[in-house]
Amino acid sequence: MLRMFELPFQRVTLTWDDCERATELCTFGFKKYDAFHIAAAERGKCDVFLTTDDRLIAKARKLGKKLAVTVLNPVDWILGSFK
């Protein structure tokens, strides 16, 4: 179980491409800061973006393959890791 918390750390500095992607994500209904976080997670090639924002998770689920990162609640991610 402790291995789950030995995750890699990477700082992603936003680029102009991220700003354009965030603008595109806003057209899908994401709030500005959520869109920037998702854009950074996508470029950082994250497997999962964790949030407790149920509305954000619901929007991400509706988009499906249009996002390059999976958006999950941390509890769901942890429980899914034990399956």
PDB file of N, CA and C in Angstrom:
ATOM      1  N   MET A   1       0.821  -1.195   0.000  1.00  0.00           N
ATOM      2  CA  MET A   1       0.000   0.000   0.000  1.00  0.00           C
ATOM      3  C   MET A   1       0.869   1.264   0.000  1.00  0.00           C
ATOM      4  N   LEU A   2       1.980   1.254   0.677  1.00  0.00           N
ATOM      5  CA  LEU A   2       2.824   2.442   0.730  1.00  0.00           C
ATOM      6  C   LEU A   2       3.401   2.790  -0.636  1.00  0.00           C
ATOM      7  N   ARG A   3       3.560   1.817  -1.515  1.00  0.00           N
ATOM      8  CA  ARG A   3       4.077   2.104  -2.855  1.00  0.00           C
ATOM      9  C   ARG A   3       3.178   3.075  -3.603  1.00  0.00           C
ATOM     10  N   MET A   4       1.904   3.081  -3.276  1.00  0.00           N
ATOM     11  CA  MET A   4       0.958   3.973  -3.928  1.00  0.00           C
ATOM     12  C   MET A   4       1.345   5.435  -3.720  1.00  0.00           C
ATOM     13  N   PHE A   5       2.017   5.711  -2.617  1.00  0.00           N
ATOM     14  CA  PHE A   5       2.372   7.075  -2.291  1.00  0.00           C
ATOM     15  C   PHE A   5       3.784   7.444  -2.732  1.00  0.00           C
ATOM     16  N   GLU A   6       4.476   6.531  -3.369  1.00  0.00           N
ATOM     17  CA  GLU A   6       5.797   6.793  -3.918  1.00  0.00           C
ATOM     18  C   GLU A   6       5.662   7.213  -5.376  1.00  0.00           C
ATOM     19  N   LEU A   7       4.888   8.234  -5.612  1.00  0.00           N
ATOM     20  CA  LEU A   7       4.608   8.668  -6.970  1.00  0.00           C
ATOM     21  C   LEU A   7       5.677   9.628  -7.465  1.00  0.00           C
ATOM     22  N   PRO A   8       5.939   9.613  -8.763  1.00  0.00           N
ATOM     23  CA  PRO A   8       6.915  10.562  -9.304  1.00  0.00           C
ATOM     24  C   PRO A   8       6.389  11.987  -9.209  1.00  0.00           C
ATOM     25  N   PHE A   9       7.308  12.919  -9.126  1.00  0.00           N
ATOM     26  CA  PHE A   9       6.952  14.329  -9.042  1.00  0.00           C
ATOM     27  C   PHE A   9       7.558  15.038 -10.239  1.00  0.00           C
ATOM     28  N   GLN A  10       6.748  15.826 -10.897  1.00  0.00           N
ATOM     29  CA  GLN A  10       7.227  16.594 -12.039  1.00  0.00           C
ATOM     30  C   GLN A  10       6.531  17.940 -12.049  1.00  0.00           C
ATOM     31  N   ARG A  11       7.278  19.004 -12.181  1.00  0.00           N
ATOM     32  CA  ARG A  11       6.703  20.341 -12.280  1.00  0.00           C
ATOM     33  C   ARG A  11       6.479  20.635 -13.760  1.00  0.00           C
ATOM     34  N   VAL A  12       5.282  21.092 -14.092  1.00  0.00           N
ATOM     35  CA  VAL A  12       4.950  21.425 -15.474  1.00  0.00           C
ATOM     36  C   VAL A  12       4.763  22.932 -15.561  1.00  0.00           C
ATOM     37  N   THR A  13       5.612  23.577 -16.337  1.00  0.00           N
ATOM     38  CA  THR A  13       5.501  25.004 -16.563  1.00  0.00           C
ATOM     39  C   THR A  13       4.592  25.221 -17.761  1.00  0.00           C
ATOM     40  N   LEU A  14       3.599  26.080 -17.589  1.00  0.00           N
ATOM     41  CA  LEU A  14       2.636  26.301 -18.660  1.00  0.00           C
ATOM     42  C   LEU A  14       3.280  26.973 -19.864  1.00  0.00           C
ATOM     43  N   THR A  15       2.842  26.547 -21.032  1.00  0.00           N
ATOM     44  CA  THR A  15       3.316  27.112 -22.294  1.00  0.00           C
ATOM     45  C   THR A  15       2.132  27.727 -23.029  1.00  0.00           C
ATOM     46  N   TRP A  16       2.425  28.361 -24.145  1.00  0.00           N
ATOM     47  CA  TRP A  16       1.352  28.929 -24.961  1.00  0.00           C
ATOM     48  C   TRP A  16       0.398  27.830 -25.439  1.00  0.00           C
ATOM     49  N   ASP A  17       0.939  26.667 -25.781  1.00  0.00           N
ATOM     50  CA  ASP A  17       0.091  25.538 -26.199  1.00  0.00           C
ATOM     51  C   ASP A  17      -0.877  25.133 -25.095  1.00  0.00           C
ATOM     52  N   ASP A  18      -0.412  25.184 -23.848  1.00  0.00           N
ATOM     53  CA  ASP A  18      -1.289  24.865 -22.719  1.00  0.00           C
ATOM     54  C   ASP A  18      -2.411  25.892 -22.603  1.00  0.00           C
ATOM     55  N   CYS A  19      -2.080  27.162 -22.861  1.00  0.00           N
ATOM     56  CA  CYS A  19      -3.096  28.214 -22.819  1.00  0.00           C
ATOM     57  C   CYS A  19      -4.154  27.982 -23.892  1.00  0.00           C
ATOM     58  N   GLU A  20      -3.703  27.584 -25.072  1.00  0.00           N
ATOM     59  CA  GLU A  20      -4.654  27.285 -26.151  1.00  0.00           C
ATOM     60  C   GLU A  20      -5.515  26.080 -25.800  1.00  0.00           C
ATOM     61  N   ARG A  21      -4.901  25.052 -25.222  1.00  0.00           N
ATOM     62  CA  ARG A  21      -5.659  23.862 -24.818  1.00  0.00           C
ATOM     63  C   ARG A  21      -6.653  24.224 -23.719  1.00  0.00           C
ATOM     64  N   ALA A  22      -6.236  25.051 -22.767  1.00  0.00           N
ATOM     65  CA  ALA A  22      -7.134  25.471 -21.687  1.00  0.00           C
ATOM     66  C   ALA A  22      -8.322  26.242 -22.259  1.00  0.00           C
ATOM     67  N   THR A  23      -8.071  27.087 -23.244  1.00  0.00           N
ATOM     68  CA  THR A  23      -9.157  27.829 -23.894  1.00  0.00           C
ATOM     69  C   THR A  23     -10.138  26.863 -24.552  1.00  0.00           C
ATOM     70  N   GLU A  24      -9.598  25.839 -25.210  1.00  0.00           N
ATOM     71  CA  GLU A  24     -10.451  24.814 -25.825  1.00  0.00           C
ATOM     72  C   GLU A  24     -11.272  24.084 -24.760  1.00  0.00           C
ATOM     73  N   LEU A  25     -10.633  23.743 -23.648  1.00  0.00           N
ATOM     74  CA  LEU A  25     -11.348  23.048 -22.574  1.00  0.00           C
ATOM     75  C   LEU A  25     -12.453  23.914 -21.977  1.00  0.00           C
ATOM     76  N   CYS A  26     -12.241  25.221 -21.943  1.00  0.00           N
ATOM     77  CA  CYS A  26     -13.281  26.133 -21.445  1.00  0.00           C
ATOM     78  C   CYS A  26     -14.522  26.085 -22.339  1.00  0.00           C
ATOM     79  N   THR A  27     -14.329  25.869 -23.634  1.00  0.00           N
ATOM     80  CA  THR A  27     -15.487  25.775 -24.535  1.00  0.00           C
ATOM     81  C   THR A  27     -16.315  24.524 -24.249  1.00  0.00           C
ATOM     82  N   PHE A  28     -15.701  23.541 -23.577  1.00  0.00           N
ATOM     83  CA  PHE A  28     -16.420  22.323 -23.177  1.00  0.00           C
ATOM     84  C   PHE A  28     -17.124  22.501 -21.839  1.00  0.00           C
ATOM     85  N   GLY A  29     -16.949  23.674 -21.215  1.00  0.00           N
ATOM     86  CA  GLY A  29     -17.646  23.954 -19.967  1.00  0.00           C
ATOM     87  C   GLY A  29     -16.791  23.926 -18.717  1.00  0.00           C
ATOM     88  N   PHE A  30     -15.486  23.704 -18.857  1.00  0.00           N
ATOM     89  CA  PHE A  30     -14.613  23.721 -17.684  1.00  0.00           C
ATOM     90  C   PHE A  30     -14.360  25.158 -17.253  1.00  0.00           C
ATOM     91  N   LYS A  31     -14.204  25.349 -15.947  1.00  0.00           N
ATOM     92  CA  LYS A  31     -13.812  26.655 -15.426  1.00  0.00           C
ATOM     93  C   LYS A  31     -12.357  26.901 -15.810  1.00  0.00           C
ATOM     94  N   LYS A  32     -11.985  28.187 -15.856  1.00  0.00           N
ATOM     95  CA  LYS A  32     -10.659  28.579 -16.348  1.00  0.00           C
ATOM     96  C   LYS A  32      -9.518  27.855 -15.633  1.00  0.00           C
ATOM     97  N   TYR A  33      -9.498  27.892 -14.308  1.00  0.00           N
ATOM     98  CA  TYR A  33      -8.381  27.281 -13.582  1.00  0.00           C
ATOM     99  C   TYR A  33      -8.394  25.756 -13.692  1.00  0.00           C
ATOM    100  N   ASP A  34      -9.570  25.160 -13.721  1.00  0.00           N
ATOM    101  CA  ASP A  34      -9.659  23.718 -13.936  1.00  0.00           C
ATOM    102  C   ASP A  34      -9.086  23.360 -15.301  1.00  0.00           C
ATOM    103  N   ALA A  35      -9.409  24.163 -16.304  1.00  0.00           N
ATOM    104  CA  ALA A  35      -8.922  23.916 -17.667  1.00  0.00           C
ATOM    105  C   ALA A  35      -7.395  23.983 -17.722  1.00  0.00           C
ATOM    106  N   PHE A  36      -6.805  24.961 -17.029  1.00  0.00           N
ATOM    107  CA  PHE A  36      -5.346  25.056 -17.002  1.00  0.00           C
ATOM    108  C   PHE A  36      -4.719  23.851 -16.294  1.00  0.00           C
ATOM    109  N   HIS A  37      -5.328  23.414 -15.213  1.00  0.00           N
ATOM    110  CA  HIS A  37      -4.797  22.245 -14.502  1.00  0.00           C
ATOM    111  C   HIS A  37      -4.869  20.992 -15.375  1.00  0.00           C
ATOM    112  N   ILE A  38      -5.977  20.812 -16.056  1.00  0.00           N
ATOM    113  CA  ILE A  38      -6.122  19.642 -16.925  1.00  0.00           C
ATOM    114  C   ILE A  38      -5.128  19.717 -18.082  1.00  0.00           C
ATOM    115  N   ALA A  39      -4.979  20.893 -18.688  1.00  0.00           N
ATOM    116  CA  ALA A  39      -4.028  21.059 -19.789  1.00  0.00           C
ATOM    117  C   ALA A  39      -2.608  20.712 -19.340  1.00  0.00           C
ATOM    118  N   ALA A  40      -2.233  21.154 -18.157  1.00  0.00           N
ATOM    119  CA  ALA A  40      -0.904  20.843 -17.635  1.00  0.00           C
ATOM    120  C   ALA A  40      -0.753  19.347 -17.357  1.00  0.00           C
ATOM    121  N   ALA A  41      -1.792  18.731 -16.823  1.00  0.00           N
ATOM    122  CA  ALA A  41      -1.761  17.288 -16.555  1.00  0.00           C
ATOM    123  C   ALA A  41      -1.632  16.498 -17.853  1.00  0.00           C
ATOM    124  N   GLU A  42      -2.330  16.950 -18.892  1.00  0.00           N
ATOM    125  CA  GLU A  42      -2.233  16.274 -20.188  1.00  0.00           C
ATOM    126  C   GLU A  42      -0.810  16.361 -20.738  1.00  0.00           C
ATOM    127  N   ARG A  43      -0.240  17.570 -20.731  1.00  0.00           N
ATOM    128  CA  ARG A  43       1.104  17.729 -21.280  1.00  0.00           C
ATOM    129  C   ARG A  43       2.138  17.004 -20.439  1.00  0.00           C
ATOM    130  N   GLY A  44       1.918  16.931 -19.135  1.00  0.00           N
ATOM    131  CA  GLY A  44       2.803  16.192 -18.257  1.00  0.00           C
ATOM    132  C   GLY A  44       2.641  14.687 -18.363  1.00  0.00           C
ATOM    133  N   LYS A  45       1.724  14.265 -19.233  1.00  0.00           N
ATOM    134  CA  LYS A  45       1.445  12.846 -19.472  1.00  0.00           C
ATOM    135  C   LYS A  45       1.052  12.101 -18.194  1.00  0.00           C
ATOM    136  N   CYS A  46       0.252  12.782 -17.372  1.00  0.00           N
ATOM    137  CA  CYS A  46      -0.255  12.152 -16.150  1.00  0.00           C
ATOM    138  C   CYS A  46      -1.242  11.050 -16.501  1.00  0.00           C
ATOM    139  N   ASP A  47      -1.225  10.012 -15.726  1.00  0.00           N
ATOM    140  CA  ASP A  47      -2.198   8.930 -15.914  1.00  0.00           C
ATOM    141  C   ASP A  47      -3.561   9.338 -15.387  1.00  0.00           C
ATOM    142  N   VAL A  48      -3.544  10.099 -14.293  1.00  0.00           N
ATOM    143  CA  VAL A  48      -4.800  10.465 -13.651  1.00  0.00           C
ATOM    144  C   VAL A  48      -4.682  11.861 -13.046  1.00  0.00           C
ATOM    145  N   PHE A  49      -5.804  12.582 -13.072  1.00  0.00           N
ATOM    146  CA  PHE A  49      -5.925  13.898 -12.457  1.00  0.00           C
ATOM    147  C   PHE A  49      -6.909  13.728 -11.308  1.00  0.00           C
ATOM    148  N   LEU A  50      -6.454  13.938 -10.083  1.00  0.00           N
ATOM    149  CA  LEU A  50      -7.302  13.717  -8.910  1.00  0.00           C
ATOM    150  C   LEU A  50      -7.945  15.012  -8.448  1.00  0.00           C
ATOM    151  N   THR A  51      -9.242  14.933  -8.157  1.00  0.00           N
ATOM    152  CA  THR A  51      -9.994  16.085  -7.675  1.00  0.00           C
ATOM    153  C   THR A  51     -11.184  15.603  -6.861  1.00  0.00           C
ATOM    154  N   THR A  52     -11.636  16.445  -5.953  1.00  0.00           N
ATOM    155  CA  THR A  52     -12.856  16.142  -5.209  1.00  0.00           C
ATOM    156  C   THR A  52     -14.035  16.942  -5.753  1.00  0.00           C
ATOM    157  N   ASP A  53     -13.833  17.629  -6.855  1.00  0.00           N
ATOM    158  CA  ASP A  53     -14.875  18.442  -7.486  1.00  0.00           C
ATOM    159  C   ASP A  53     -15.765  17.540  -8.351  1.00  0.00           C
ATOM    160  N   ASP A  54     -16.944  17.210  -7.836  1.00  0.00           N
ATOM    161  CA  ASP A  54     -17.844  16.287  -8.537  1.00  0.00           C
ATOM    162  C   ASP A  54     -18.291  16.821  -9.893  1.00  0.00           C
ATOM    163  N   ARG A  55     -18.464  18.132 -10.010  1.00  0.00           N
ATOM    164  CA  ARG A  55     -18.869  18.711 -11.301  1.00  0.00           C
ATOM    165  C   ARG A  55     -17.757  18.570 -12.341  1.00  0.00           C
ATOM    166  N   LEU A  56     -16.533  18.770 -11.904  1.00  0.00           N
ATOM    167  CA  LEU A  56     -15.394  18.609 -12.804  1.00  0.00           C
ATOM    168  C   LEU A  56     -15.290  17.162 -13.274  1.00  0.00           C
ATOM    169  N   ILE A  57     -15.463  16.231 -12.364  1.00  0.00           N
ATOM    170  CA  ILE A  57     -15.408  14.807 -12.704  1.00  0.00           C
ATOM    171  C   ILE A  57     -16.524  14.461 -13.699  1.00  0.00           C
ATOM    172  N   ALA A  58     -17.713  14.972 -13.457  1.00  0.00           N
ATOM    173  CA  ALA A  58     -18.845  14.687 -14.353  1.00  0.00           C
ATOM    174  C   ALA A  58     -18.595  15.239 -15.757  1.00  0.00           C
ATOM    175  N   LYS A  59     -18.060  16.458 -15.852  1.00  0.00           N
ATOM    176  CA  LYS A  59     -17.753  17.033 -17.168  1.00  0.00           C
ATOM    177  C   LYS A  59     -16.700  16.210 -17.885  1.00  0.00           C
ATOM    178  N   ALA A  60     -15.699  15.780 -17.147  1.00  0.00           N
ATOM    179  CA  ALA A  60     -14.631  14.977 -17.751  1.00  0.00           C
ATOM    180  C   ALA A  60     -15.168  13.642 -18.255  1.00  0.00           C
ATOM    181  N   ARG A  61     -16.061  13.040 -17.511  1.00  0.00           N
ATOM    182  CA  ARG A  61     -16.649  11.761 -17.942  1.00  0.00           C
ATOM    183  C   ARG A  61     -17.441  11.927 -19.230  1.00  0.00           C
ATOM    184  N   LYS A  62     -18.166  13.044 -19.348  1.00  0.00           N
ATOM    185  CA  LYS A  62     -18.941  13.298 -20.567  1.00  0.00           C
ATOM    186  C   LYS A  62     -18.034  13.421 -21.787  1.00  0.00           C
ATOM    187  N   LEU A  63     -16.853  13.985 -21.604  1.00  0.00           N
ATOM    188  CA  LEU A  63     -15.937  14.193 -22.725  1.00  0.00           C
ATOM    189  C   LEU A  63     -15.215  12.926 -23.140  1.00  0.00           C
ATOM    190  N   GLY A  64     -15.057  12.014 -22.217  1.00  0.00           N
ATOM    191  CA  GLY A  64     -14.425  10.733 -22.533  1.00  0.00           C
ATOM    192  C   GLY A  64     -13.060  10.873 -23.170  1.00  0.00           C
ATOM    193  N   LYS A  65     -12.932  10.425 -24.421  1.00  0.00           N
ATOM    194  CA  LYS A  65     -11.647  10.370 -25.127  1.00  0.00           C
ATOM    195  C   LYS A  65     -11.136  11.743 -25.564  1.00  0.00           C
ATOM    196  N   LYS A  66     -11.924  12.805 -25.379  1.00  0.00           N
ATOM    197  CA  LYS A  66     -11.457  14.140 -25.752  1.00  0.00           C
ATOM    198  C   LYS A  66     -10.420  14.673 -24.770  1.00  0.00           C
ATOM    199  N   LEU A  67     -10.295  14.012 -23.617  1.00  0.00           N
ATOM    200  CA  LEU A  67      -9.273  14.368 -22.639  1.00  0.00           C
ATOM    201  C   LEU A  67      -8.169  13.318 -22.687  1.00  0.00           C
ATOM    202  N   ALA A  68      -6.936  13.765 -22.545  1.00  0.00           N
ATOM    203  CA  ALA A  68      -5.795  12.851 -22.566  1.00  0.00           C
ATOM    204  C   ALA A  68      -5.395  12.415 -21.156  1.00  0.00           C
ATOM    205  N   VAL A  69      -6.248  12.691 -20.180  1.00  0.00           N
ATOM    206  CA  VAL A  69      -5.992  12.303 -18.796  1.00  0.00           C
ATOM    207  C   VAL A  69      -7.320  11.844 -18.182  1.00  0.00           C
ATOM    208  N   THR A  70      -7.247  10.858 -17.308  1.00  0.00           N
ATOM    209  CA  THR A  70      -8.434  10.383 -16.600  1.00  0.00           C
ATOM    210  C   THR A  70      -8.638  11.247 -15.362  1.00  0.00           C
ATOM    211  N   VAL A  71      -9.855  11.703 -15.136  1.00  0.00           N
ATOM    212  CA  VAL A  71     -10.176  12.548 -13.989  1.00  0.00           C
ATOM    213  C   VAL A  71     -10.975  11.718 -12.988  1.00  0.00           C
ATOM    214  N   LEU A  72     -10.447  11.594 -11.771  1.00  0.00           N
ATOM    215  CA  LEU A  72     -11.075  10.756 -10.755  1.00  0.00           C
ATOM    216  C   LEU A  72     -11.072  11.428  -9.389  1.00  0.00           C
ATOM    217  N   ASN A  73     -11.981  10.971  -8.542  1.00  0.00           N
ATOM    218  CA  ASN A  73     -11.974  11.324  -7.136  1.00  0.00           C
ATOM    219  C   ASN A  73     -10.846  10.512  -6.482  1.00  0.00           C
ATOM    220  N   PRO A  74     -10.078  11.096  -5.563  1.00  0.00           N
ATOM    221  CA  PRO A  74      -8.978  10.345  -4.938  1.00  0.00           C
ATOM    222  C   PRO A  74      -9.424   9.036  -4.274  1.00  0.00           C
ATOM    223  N   VAL A  75     -10.584   9.046  -3.664  1.00  0.00           N
ATOM    224  CA  VAL A  75     -11.073   7.820  -3.013  1.00  0.00           C
ATOM    225  C   VAL A  75     -11.328   6.732  -4.056  1.00  0.00           C
ATOM    226  N   ASP A  76     -11.953   7.099  -5.170  1.00  0.00           N
ATOM    227  CA  ASP A  76     -12.194   6.118  -6.235  1.00  0.00           C
ATOM    228  C   ASP A  76     -10.881   5.584  -6.801  1.00  0.00           C
ATOM    229  N   TRP A  77      -9.883   6.466  -6.912  1.00  0.00           N
ATOM    230  CA  TRP A  77      -8.581   6.051  -7.430  1.00  0.00           C
ATOM    231  C   TRP A  77      -7.919   5.049  -6.488  1.00  0.00           C
ATOM    232  N   ILE A  78      -7.958   5.349  -5.182  1.00  0.00           N
ATOM    233  CA  ILE A  78      -7.352   4.454  -4.202  1.00  0.00           C
ATOM    234  C   ILE A  78      -8.075   3.114  -4.188  1.00  0.00           C
ATOM    235  N   LEU A  79      -9.404   3.141  -4.158  1.00  0.00           N
ATOM    236  CA  LEU A  79     -10.162   1.884  -4.139  1.00  0.00           C
ATOM    237  C   LEU A  79      -9.933   1.078  -5.411  1.00  0.00           C
ATOM    238  N   GLY A  80      -9.824   1.763  -6.545  1.00  0.00           N
ATOM    239  CA  GLY A  80      -9.575   1.090  -7.812  1.00  0.00           C
ATOM    240  C   GLY A  80      -8.180   0.482  -7.877  1.00  0.00           C
ATOM    241  N   SER A  81      -7.251   0.991  -7.114  1.00  0.00           N
ATOM    242  CA  SER A  81      -5.882   0.490  -7.112  1.00  0.00           C
ATOM    243  C   SER A  81      -5.779  -0.877  -6.434  1.00  0.00           C
ATOM    244  N   PHE A  82      -6.782  -1.222  -5.624  1.00  0.00           N
ATOM    245  CA  PHE A  82      -6.745  -2.501  -4.909  1.00  0.00           C
ATOM    246  C   PHE A  82      -7.453  -3.612  -5.668  1.00  0.00           C
ATOM    247  N   LYS A  83      -8.038  -3.295  -6.796  1.00  0.00           N
ATOM    248  CA  LYS A  83      -8.768  -4.327  -7.551  1.00  0.00           C
ATOM    249  C   LYS A  83      -7.834  -5.138  -8.404  1.00  0.00           C
TER     250      LYS A  83
END
